[in-house]
N, C-alpha and C. Protein backbone atom coordinates (compact mmCIF):
# COMPACT_ATOMS: atom_id res chain seq x y z
N MET A 1 -36.41 12.71 -15.85
CA MET A 1 -35.90 11.62 -15.05
C MET A 1 -34.41 11.83 -14.82
N THR A 2 -33.96 11.77 -13.58
CA THR A 2 -32.54 11.96 -13.27
C THR A 2 -31.87 10.62 -13.07
N LYS A 3 -30.59 10.62 -13.40
CA LYS A 3 -29.81 9.40 -13.19
C LYS A 3 -29.54 9.23 -11.71
N LYS A 4 -29.69 8.02 -11.24
CA LYS A 4 -29.35 7.72 -9.86
C LYS A 4 -27.95 7.12 -9.83
N GLN A 5 -27.06 7.72 -9.04
CA GLN A 5 -25.70 7.23 -8.92
C GLN A 5 -25.63 6.07 -7.94
N SER A 6 -24.86 5.09 -8.27
CA SER A 6 -24.61 3.95 -7.40
C SER A 6 -23.22 4.09 -6.81
N ALA A 7 -23.05 3.54 -5.63
CA ALA A 7 -21.72 3.49 -5.06
C ALA A 7 -20.90 2.49 -5.88
N ILE A 8 -19.70 2.89 -6.24
CA ILE A 8 -18.84 2.00 -7.02
C ILE A 8 -17.42 2.12 -6.51
N SER A 9 -16.71 1.04 -6.66
CA SER A 9 -15.30 1.06 -6.29
C SER A 9 -14.49 0.36 -7.37
N ILE A 10 -13.22 0.74 -7.45
CA ILE A 10 -12.28 0.11 -8.37
C ILE A 10 -11.04 -0.27 -7.58
N THR A 11 -10.34 -1.28 -8.06
CA THR A 11 -9.15 -1.78 -7.36
C THR A 11 -8.01 -1.95 -8.35
N ARG A 12 -6.84 -1.50 -7.94
CA ARG A 12 -5.61 -1.68 -8.71
C ARG A 12 -4.65 -2.52 -7.87
N ARG A 13 -4.03 -3.52 -8.47
CA ARG A 13 -3.08 -4.41 -7.80
C ARG A 13 -1.67 -4.12 -8.31
N LEU A 14 -0.73 -4.00 -7.37
CA LEU A 14 0.68 -3.80 -7.69
C LEU A 14 1.50 -4.77 -6.86
N GLU A 15 2.68 -5.10 -7.31
CA GLU A 15 3.53 -6.05 -6.59
C GLU A 15 4.91 -5.46 -6.35
N PHE A 16 5.54 -5.91 -5.27
CA PHE A 16 6.89 -5.48 -4.94
C PHE A 16 7.54 -6.53 -4.05
N ASP A 17 8.86 -6.48 -3.98
CA ASP A 17 9.62 -7.42 -3.17
C ASP A 17 10.28 -6.66 -2.02
N SER A 18 10.19 -7.22 -0.82
CA SER A 18 10.82 -6.61 0.35
C SER A 18 11.25 -7.70 1.32
N GLY A 19 12.25 -7.36 2.12
CA GLY A 19 12.67 -8.23 3.20
C GLY A 19 12.18 -7.68 4.52
N HIS A 20 12.09 -8.55 5.51
CA HIS A 20 11.71 -8.13 6.85
C HIS A 20 12.01 -9.26 7.82
N ARG A 21 11.73 -9.01 9.07
CA ARG A 21 11.71 -10.07 10.07
C ARG A 21 10.81 -9.60 11.20
N ILE A 22 10.29 -10.55 11.95
CA ILE A 22 9.46 -10.26 13.12
C ILE A 22 10.32 -10.68 14.32
N PRO A 23 11.03 -9.74 14.95
CA PRO A 23 12.10 -10.09 15.88
C PRO A 23 11.68 -10.93 17.08
N ASN A 24 10.48 -10.79 17.57
CA ASN A 24 10.07 -11.53 18.77
C ASN A 24 9.18 -12.72 18.45
N HIS A 25 9.10 -13.08 17.20
CA HIS A 25 8.25 -14.19 16.77
C HIS A 25 8.83 -15.51 17.28
N GLY A 26 7.97 -16.44 17.60
CA GLY A 26 8.41 -17.73 18.11
C GLY A 26 8.74 -18.74 17.03
N GLY A 27 8.51 -18.40 15.77
CA GLY A 27 8.75 -19.35 14.69
C GLY A 27 9.73 -18.82 13.67
N GLN A 28 9.55 -19.27 12.43
CA GLN A 28 10.48 -18.96 11.34
C GLN A 28 10.57 -17.47 11.00
N CYS A 29 9.53 -16.73 11.29
CA CYS A 29 9.51 -15.31 10.89
C CYS A 29 10.46 -14.44 11.69
N LYS A 30 11.11 -15.00 12.70
CA LYS A 30 12.10 -14.22 13.45
C LYS A 30 13.40 -14.08 12.64
N HIS A 31 13.55 -14.90 11.60
CA HIS A 31 14.75 -14.84 10.76
C HIS A 31 14.57 -13.81 9.65
N LEU A 32 15.68 -13.29 9.15
CA LEU A 32 15.65 -12.40 8.00
C LEU A 32 15.11 -13.17 6.80
N HIS A 33 14.12 -12.62 6.13
CA HIS A 33 13.54 -13.27 4.96
C HIS A 33 12.80 -12.24 4.12
N GLY A 34 12.30 -12.66 2.99
CA GLY A 34 11.60 -11.73 2.11
C GLY A 34 10.33 -12.30 1.55
N HIS A 35 9.56 -11.42 0.93
CA HIS A 35 8.28 -11.80 0.33
C HIS A 35 8.10 -11.07 -0.98
N ARG A 36 7.28 -11.66 -1.83
CA ARG A 36 6.75 -10.97 -3.01
C ARG A 36 5.38 -10.46 -2.58
N TYR A 37 5.34 -9.22 -2.13
CA TYR A 37 4.09 -8.63 -1.66
C TYR A 37 3.23 -8.21 -2.85
N ALA A 38 1.93 -8.22 -2.65
CA ALA A 38 0.98 -7.64 -3.60
C ALA A 38 0.07 -6.72 -2.81
N ILE A 39 -0.11 -5.52 -3.31
CA ILE A 39 -0.99 -4.56 -2.65
C ILE A 39 -2.14 -4.24 -3.59
N GLU A 40 -3.34 -4.28 -3.04
CA GLU A 40 -4.54 -3.91 -3.79
C GLU A 40 -5.09 -2.65 -3.17
N ILE A 41 -5.25 -1.63 -3.99
CA ILE A 41 -5.75 -0.32 -3.56
C ILE A 41 -7.15 -0.16 -4.12
N THR A 42 -8.13 -0.02 -3.23
CA THR A 42 -9.53 0.13 -3.65
C THR A 42 -10.01 1.53 -3.34
N LEU A 43 -10.53 2.19 -4.35
CA LEU A 43 -11.07 3.54 -4.23
C LEU A 43 -12.56 3.53 -4.52
N SER A 44 -13.28 4.40 -3.83
CA SER A 44 -14.73 4.52 -4.03
C SER A 44 -15.04 5.95 -4.45
N GLY A 45 -16.10 6.09 -5.20
CA GLY A 45 -16.53 7.41 -5.63
C GLY A 45 -17.66 7.30 -6.63
N GLU A 46 -17.81 8.34 -7.43
CA GLU A 46 -18.84 8.37 -8.44
C GLU A 46 -18.21 8.31 -9.82
N ILE A 47 -18.90 7.66 -10.71
CA ILE A 47 -18.44 7.56 -12.09
C ILE A 47 -18.57 8.93 -12.76
N ALA A 48 -17.51 9.31 -13.46
CA ALA A 48 -17.52 10.60 -14.15
C ALA A 48 -18.53 10.59 -15.29
N ASP A 49 -19.30 11.65 -15.36
CA ASP A 49 -20.26 11.84 -16.44
C ASP A 49 -19.80 13.05 -17.24
N HIS A 50 -18.78 12.82 -18.05
CA HIS A 50 -18.16 13.88 -18.84
C HIS A 50 -18.13 13.47 -20.31
N PRO A 51 -19.29 13.51 -20.98
CA PRO A 51 -19.33 13.07 -22.39
C PRO A 51 -18.25 13.76 -23.23
N GLY A 52 -17.56 12.94 -24.00
CA GLY A 52 -16.53 13.45 -24.88
C GLY A 52 -15.17 13.65 -24.25
N LYS A 53 -15.06 13.44 -22.94
CA LYS A 53 -13.77 13.61 -22.27
C LYS A 53 -13.16 12.25 -21.96
N ALA A 54 -11.84 12.27 -21.72
CA ALA A 54 -11.10 11.01 -21.54
C ALA A 54 -11.56 10.20 -20.33
N ASP A 55 -12.07 10.88 -19.31
CA ASP A 55 -12.46 10.16 -18.09
C ASP A 55 -13.94 9.79 -18.05
N ASP A 56 -14.66 10.03 -19.13
CA ASP A 56 -16.09 9.73 -19.15
C ASP A 56 -16.33 8.26 -18.87
N GLY A 57 -17.21 7.99 -17.91
CA GLY A 57 -17.56 6.62 -17.56
C GLY A 57 -16.60 5.95 -16.59
N MET A 58 -15.61 6.70 -16.09
CA MET A 58 -14.62 6.14 -15.17
C MET A 58 -14.75 6.75 -13.79
N LEU A 59 -14.34 5.99 -12.82
CA LEU A 59 -14.13 6.55 -11.48
C LEU A 59 -12.78 7.25 -11.49
N LEU A 60 -11.77 6.56 -12.03
CA LEU A 60 -10.42 7.07 -12.16
C LEU A 60 -9.66 6.14 -13.09
N ASP A 61 -8.74 6.68 -13.82
CA ASP A 61 -7.89 5.85 -14.67
C ASP A 61 -6.98 5.01 -13.78
N PHE A 62 -6.89 3.72 -14.05
CA PHE A 62 -6.07 2.82 -13.24
C PHE A 62 -4.61 3.25 -13.23
N GLY A 63 -4.16 3.89 -14.31
CA GLY A 63 -2.79 4.40 -14.36
C GLY A 63 -2.52 5.45 -13.31
N ASP A 64 -3.53 6.24 -12.97
CA ASP A 64 -3.36 7.26 -11.92
C ASP A 64 -3.20 6.62 -10.55
N ILE A 65 -3.93 5.54 -10.31
CA ILE A 65 -3.77 4.82 -9.05
C ILE A 65 -2.35 4.26 -8.97
N LYS A 66 -1.91 3.65 -10.05
CA LYS A 66 -0.56 3.08 -10.10
C LYS A 66 0.50 4.14 -9.84
N ARG A 67 0.37 5.27 -10.50
CA ARG A 67 1.36 6.33 -10.37
C ARG A 67 1.50 6.80 -8.92
N LEU A 68 0.39 7.04 -8.26
CA LEU A 68 0.44 7.53 -6.88
C LEU A 68 0.88 6.45 -5.90
N ALA A 69 0.38 5.24 -6.07
CA ALA A 69 0.77 4.14 -5.17
C ALA A 69 2.26 3.84 -5.33
N ASN A 70 2.75 3.86 -6.57
CA ASN A 70 4.18 3.64 -6.79
C ASN A 70 5.01 4.72 -6.10
N LYS A 71 4.61 5.95 -6.24
CA LYS A 71 5.39 7.06 -5.68
C LYS A 71 5.48 7.00 -4.16
N TYR A 72 4.38 6.69 -3.50
CA TYR A 72 4.32 6.82 -2.05
C TYR A 72 4.54 5.52 -1.27
N VAL A 73 4.31 4.36 -1.88
CA VAL A 73 4.46 3.10 -1.15
C VAL A 73 5.35 2.10 -1.89
N VAL A 74 5.00 1.77 -3.11
CA VAL A 74 5.67 0.68 -3.81
C VAL A 74 7.15 0.98 -4.03
N GLU A 75 7.48 2.10 -4.63
CA GLU A 75 8.90 2.39 -4.89
C GLU A 75 9.72 2.52 -3.61
N PRO A 76 9.22 3.20 -2.56
CA PRO A 76 10.02 3.25 -1.33
C PRO A 76 10.23 1.88 -0.69
N TRP A 77 9.28 0.97 -0.82
CA TRP A 77 9.38 -0.34 -0.16
C TRP A 77 9.95 -1.43 -1.04
N ASP A 78 9.95 -1.23 -2.36
CA ASP A 78 10.40 -2.29 -3.26
C ASP A 78 11.91 -2.52 -3.13
N HIS A 79 12.29 -3.76 -2.95
CA HIS A 79 13.68 -4.17 -2.77
C HIS A 79 14.35 -3.45 -1.61
N ALA A 80 13.55 -3.15 -0.60
CA ALA A 80 14.07 -2.57 0.64
C ALA A 80 13.93 -3.61 1.74
N PHE A 81 14.67 -3.40 2.82
CA PHE A 81 14.46 -4.20 4.02
C PHE A 81 13.64 -3.34 4.97
N LEU A 82 12.47 -3.84 5.35
CA LEU A 82 11.55 -3.14 6.24
C LEU A 82 11.83 -3.63 7.65
N VAL A 83 12.26 -2.72 8.51
CA VAL A 83 12.72 -3.11 9.84
C VAL A 83 12.09 -2.22 10.90
N ALA A 84 11.74 -2.81 12.02
CA ALA A 84 11.19 -2.05 13.15
C ALA A 84 12.31 -1.27 13.82
N LYS A 85 12.03 -0.03 14.18
CA LYS A 85 13.06 0.78 14.84
C LYS A 85 13.54 0.14 16.14
N GLU A 86 12.68 -0.66 16.78
CA GLU A 86 13.06 -1.35 18.02
C GLU A 86 14.04 -2.50 17.79
N ASP A 87 14.17 -2.95 16.54
CA ASP A 87 15.07 -4.04 16.18
C ASP A 87 16.47 -3.45 15.96
N GLU A 88 17.05 -2.94 17.03
CA GLU A 88 18.25 -2.11 16.95
C GLU A 88 19.45 -2.83 16.32
N ALA A 89 19.64 -4.10 16.61
CA ALA A 89 20.79 -4.82 16.04
C ALA A 89 20.71 -4.85 14.52
N ILE A 90 19.51 -5.08 13.97
CA ILE A 90 19.35 -5.13 12.52
C ILE A 90 19.41 -3.73 11.93
N VAL A 91 18.82 -2.75 12.61
CA VAL A 91 18.89 -1.36 12.15
C VAL A 91 20.36 -0.94 12.05
N ASP A 92 21.15 -1.24 13.08
CA ASP A 92 22.57 -0.88 13.08
C ASP A 92 23.32 -1.61 11.97
N PHE A 93 23.04 -2.91 11.83
CA PHE A 93 23.72 -3.70 10.80
C PHE A 93 23.41 -3.13 9.41
N LEU A 94 22.14 -2.91 9.12
CA LEU A 94 21.75 -2.41 7.80
C LEU A 94 22.33 -1.02 7.56
N GLY A 95 22.42 -0.23 8.62
CA GLY A 95 23.02 1.10 8.51
C GLY A 95 24.50 1.05 8.17
N SER A 96 25.14 -0.06 8.47
CA SER A 96 26.57 -0.19 8.17
C SER A 96 26.83 -0.60 6.72
N LEU A 97 25.80 -1.00 6.00
CA LEU A 97 25.96 -1.42 4.61
C LEU A 97 25.87 -0.20 3.69
N PRO A 98 26.86 0.01 2.85
CA PRO A 98 26.82 1.18 1.96
C PRO A 98 25.63 1.13 1.01
N ASN A 99 24.91 2.22 0.96
CA ASN A 99 23.79 2.39 0.01
C ASN A 99 22.71 1.32 0.11
N HIS A 100 22.54 0.74 1.29
CA HIS A 100 21.49 -0.27 1.46
C HIS A 100 20.14 0.42 1.57
N LYS A 101 19.15 -0.13 0.88
CA LYS A 101 17.79 0.42 0.92
C LYS A 101 17.07 -0.16 2.13
N THR A 102 16.96 0.65 3.16
CA THR A 102 16.34 0.25 4.43
C THR A 102 15.22 1.22 4.74
N VAL A 103 14.08 0.69 5.17
CA VAL A 103 12.97 1.52 5.64
C VAL A 103 12.76 1.16 7.10
N VAL A 104 13.04 2.10 7.98
CA VAL A 104 12.85 1.89 9.41
C VAL A 104 11.40 2.26 9.74
N MET A 105 10.68 1.28 10.28
CA MET A 105 9.26 1.43 10.57
C MET A 105 9.06 1.72 12.07
N ASP A 106 8.00 2.42 12.40
CA ASP A 106 7.67 2.66 13.80
C ASP A 106 7.23 1.39 14.52
N GLN A 107 6.69 0.44 13.75
CA GLN A 107 6.18 -0.80 14.33
C GLN A 107 6.83 -2.00 13.65
N VAL A 108 6.68 -3.15 14.26
CA VAL A 108 7.18 -4.40 13.69
C VAL A 108 6.52 -4.60 12.33
N PRO A 109 7.28 -4.93 11.29
CA PRO A 109 6.72 -5.00 9.94
C PRO A 109 5.94 -6.29 9.64
N THR A 110 4.90 -6.52 10.43
CA THR A 110 3.96 -7.60 10.11
C THR A 110 3.11 -7.15 8.94
N VAL A 111 2.44 -8.07 8.29
CA VAL A 111 1.57 -7.69 7.18
C VAL A 111 0.46 -6.76 7.66
N GLU A 112 0.00 -6.96 8.88
CA GLU A 112 -1.05 -6.09 9.43
C GLU A 112 -0.55 -4.65 9.58
N ASN A 113 0.66 -4.51 10.18
CA ASN A 113 1.21 -3.17 10.37
C ASN A 113 1.59 -2.52 9.05
N LEU A 114 2.08 -3.30 8.10
CA LEU A 114 2.42 -2.74 6.79
C LEU A 114 1.17 -2.28 6.05
N ALA A 115 0.11 -3.05 6.13
CA ALA A 115 -1.16 -2.64 5.50
C ALA A 115 -1.67 -1.35 6.13
N ASN A 116 -1.60 -1.26 7.46
CA ASN A 116 -1.99 -0.03 8.15
C ASN A 116 -1.13 1.15 7.72
N ALA A 117 0.17 0.93 7.62
CA ALA A 117 1.08 2.01 7.22
C ALA A 117 0.75 2.46 5.79
N ALA A 118 0.52 1.52 4.89
CA ALA A 118 0.18 1.88 3.51
C ALA A 118 -1.13 2.67 3.47
N PHE A 119 -2.10 2.27 4.27
CA PHE A 119 -3.37 3.00 4.31
C PHE A 119 -3.16 4.43 4.82
N ARG A 120 -2.38 4.57 5.90
CA ARG A 120 -2.12 5.90 6.47
C ARG A 120 -1.37 6.79 5.48
N ILE A 121 -0.48 6.21 4.69
CA ILE A 121 0.26 6.97 3.69
C ILE A 121 -0.65 7.38 2.53
N LEU A 122 -1.44 6.45 2.02
CA LEU A 122 -2.21 6.68 0.80
C LEU A 122 -3.54 7.39 1.02
N GLN A 123 -4.12 7.29 2.19
CA GLN A 123 -5.43 7.92 2.42
C GLN A 123 -5.41 9.42 2.13
N PRO A 124 -4.48 10.18 2.68
CA PRO A 124 -4.49 11.61 2.34
C PRO A 124 -4.09 11.90 0.89
N VAL A 125 -3.26 11.05 0.31
CA VAL A 125 -2.85 11.24 -1.08
C VAL A 125 -4.07 11.17 -1.99
N PHE A 126 -4.86 10.10 -1.87
CA PHE A 126 -6.03 9.97 -2.73
C PHE A 126 -7.16 10.90 -2.30
N GLY A 127 -7.21 11.24 -1.01
CA GLY A 127 -8.23 12.16 -0.54
C GLY A 127 -8.08 13.57 -1.09
N LYS A 128 -6.84 13.98 -1.33
CA LYS A 128 -6.57 15.33 -1.85
C LYS A 128 -6.54 15.38 -3.37
N ALA A 129 -6.17 14.28 -3.98
CA ALA A 129 -6.05 14.25 -5.44
C ALA A 129 -7.43 14.21 -6.09
N PHE A 130 -7.46 14.64 -7.32
CA PHE A 130 -8.66 14.52 -8.16
C PHE A 130 -9.87 15.24 -7.55
N GLY A 131 -9.59 16.40 -6.99
CA GLY A 131 -10.67 17.24 -6.47
C GLY A 131 -11.37 16.70 -5.25
N GLY A 132 -10.74 15.78 -4.55
CA GLY A 132 -11.34 15.22 -3.34
C GLY A 132 -12.57 14.37 -3.61
N GLN A 133 -12.71 13.88 -4.84
CA GLN A 133 -13.91 13.13 -5.22
C GLN A 133 -13.82 11.64 -4.89
N LEU A 134 -12.64 11.18 -4.47
CA LEU A 134 -12.44 9.75 -4.23
C LEU A 134 -12.11 9.48 -2.77
N GLN A 135 -12.42 8.28 -2.35
CA GLN A 135 -12.10 7.85 -0.99
C GLN A 135 -11.36 6.53 -1.07
N LEU A 136 -10.25 6.46 -0.36
CA LEU A 136 -9.56 5.18 -0.23
C LEU A 136 -10.41 4.32 0.68
N SER A 137 -10.96 3.25 0.14
CA SER A 137 -11.87 2.45 0.95
C SER A 137 -11.23 1.18 1.48
N CYS A 138 -10.17 0.68 0.83
CA CYS A 138 -9.54 -0.55 1.33
C CYS A 138 -8.12 -0.68 0.79
N ILE A 139 -7.27 -1.17 1.65
CA ILE A 139 -5.95 -1.65 1.26
C ILE A 139 -5.92 -3.13 1.62
N ARG A 140 -5.57 -3.95 0.67
CA ARG A 140 -5.35 -5.38 0.92
C ARG A 140 -3.89 -5.64 0.59
N LEU A 141 -3.15 -6.13 1.57
CA LEU A 141 -1.74 -6.41 1.37
C LEU A 141 -1.51 -7.90 1.55
N PHE A 142 -1.07 -8.55 0.46
CA PHE A 142 -0.74 -9.96 0.48
C PHE A 142 0.73 -10.12 0.86
N GLU A 143 0.99 -10.94 1.86
CA GLU A 143 2.36 -11.30 2.21
C GLU A 143 2.77 -12.55 1.43
N THR A 144 1.83 -13.44 1.24
CA THR A 144 1.97 -14.61 0.39
C THR A 144 0.66 -14.73 -0.39
N PRO A 145 0.59 -15.62 -1.38
CA PRO A 145 -0.68 -15.76 -2.10
C PRO A 145 -1.85 -16.18 -1.20
N ASN A 146 -1.54 -16.79 -0.05
CA ASN A 146 -2.59 -17.31 0.83
C ASN A 146 -2.77 -16.53 2.13
N CYS A 147 -1.98 -15.49 2.34
CA CYS A 147 -2.03 -14.74 3.61
C CYS A 147 -2.01 -13.24 3.33
N TRP A 148 -2.99 -12.52 3.89
CA TRP A 148 -3.07 -11.09 3.66
C TRP A 148 -3.76 -10.40 4.81
N ALA A 149 -3.68 -9.06 4.79
CA ALA A 149 -4.38 -8.22 5.75
C ALA A 149 -5.17 -7.17 4.99
N ASP A 150 -6.34 -6.85 5.51
CA ASP A 150 -7.19 -5.80 4.93
C ASP A 150 -7.31 -4.66 5.92
N VAL A 151 -7.23 -3.45 5.41
CA VAL A 151 -7.54 -2.25 6.18
C VAL A 151 -8.64 -1.54 5.41
N THR A 152 -9.76 -1.30 6.07
CA THR A 152 -10.89 -0.67 5.40
C THR A 152 -11.24 0.65 6.09
N HIS A 153 -11.72 1.57 5.28
CA HIS A 153 -12.18 2.86 5.80
C HIS A 153 -13.50 2.64 6.51
N LEU A 154 -13.60 3.15 7.70
CA LEU A 154 -14.86 3.02 8.45
C LEU A 154 -15.74 4.23 8.27
């Protein structure tokens, strides 16, 4: 009798603080402001069947997810101001501040665009790591505890 593998996914949540603005917004979001973002990274794959080894029974160690997500998304965005390249007045202003941590984005830094950017950054990272055995299946980015965007692998 052979073991039948089930599809399984795991999720790691990390938090960071960033500032942004939505320059053409009709409400409060047009002003400079910040959020305590939370990002949830969900990976899918097969559970390791390696009796006697450290990864036995795991899809992946949660610490490995944290390490890669921190390196490629969280640390670059944490305590940075995320600004759209089209928002030239703010880009110029932030550029005039010595040693200011600014991330110039191709698109307006809405939670939807930031979630998409995080997915585009992390998908190849997790796809190449760990022998290509894992798939980034979802990024959920919370802008507030009650508002978030999901990007899922199709």
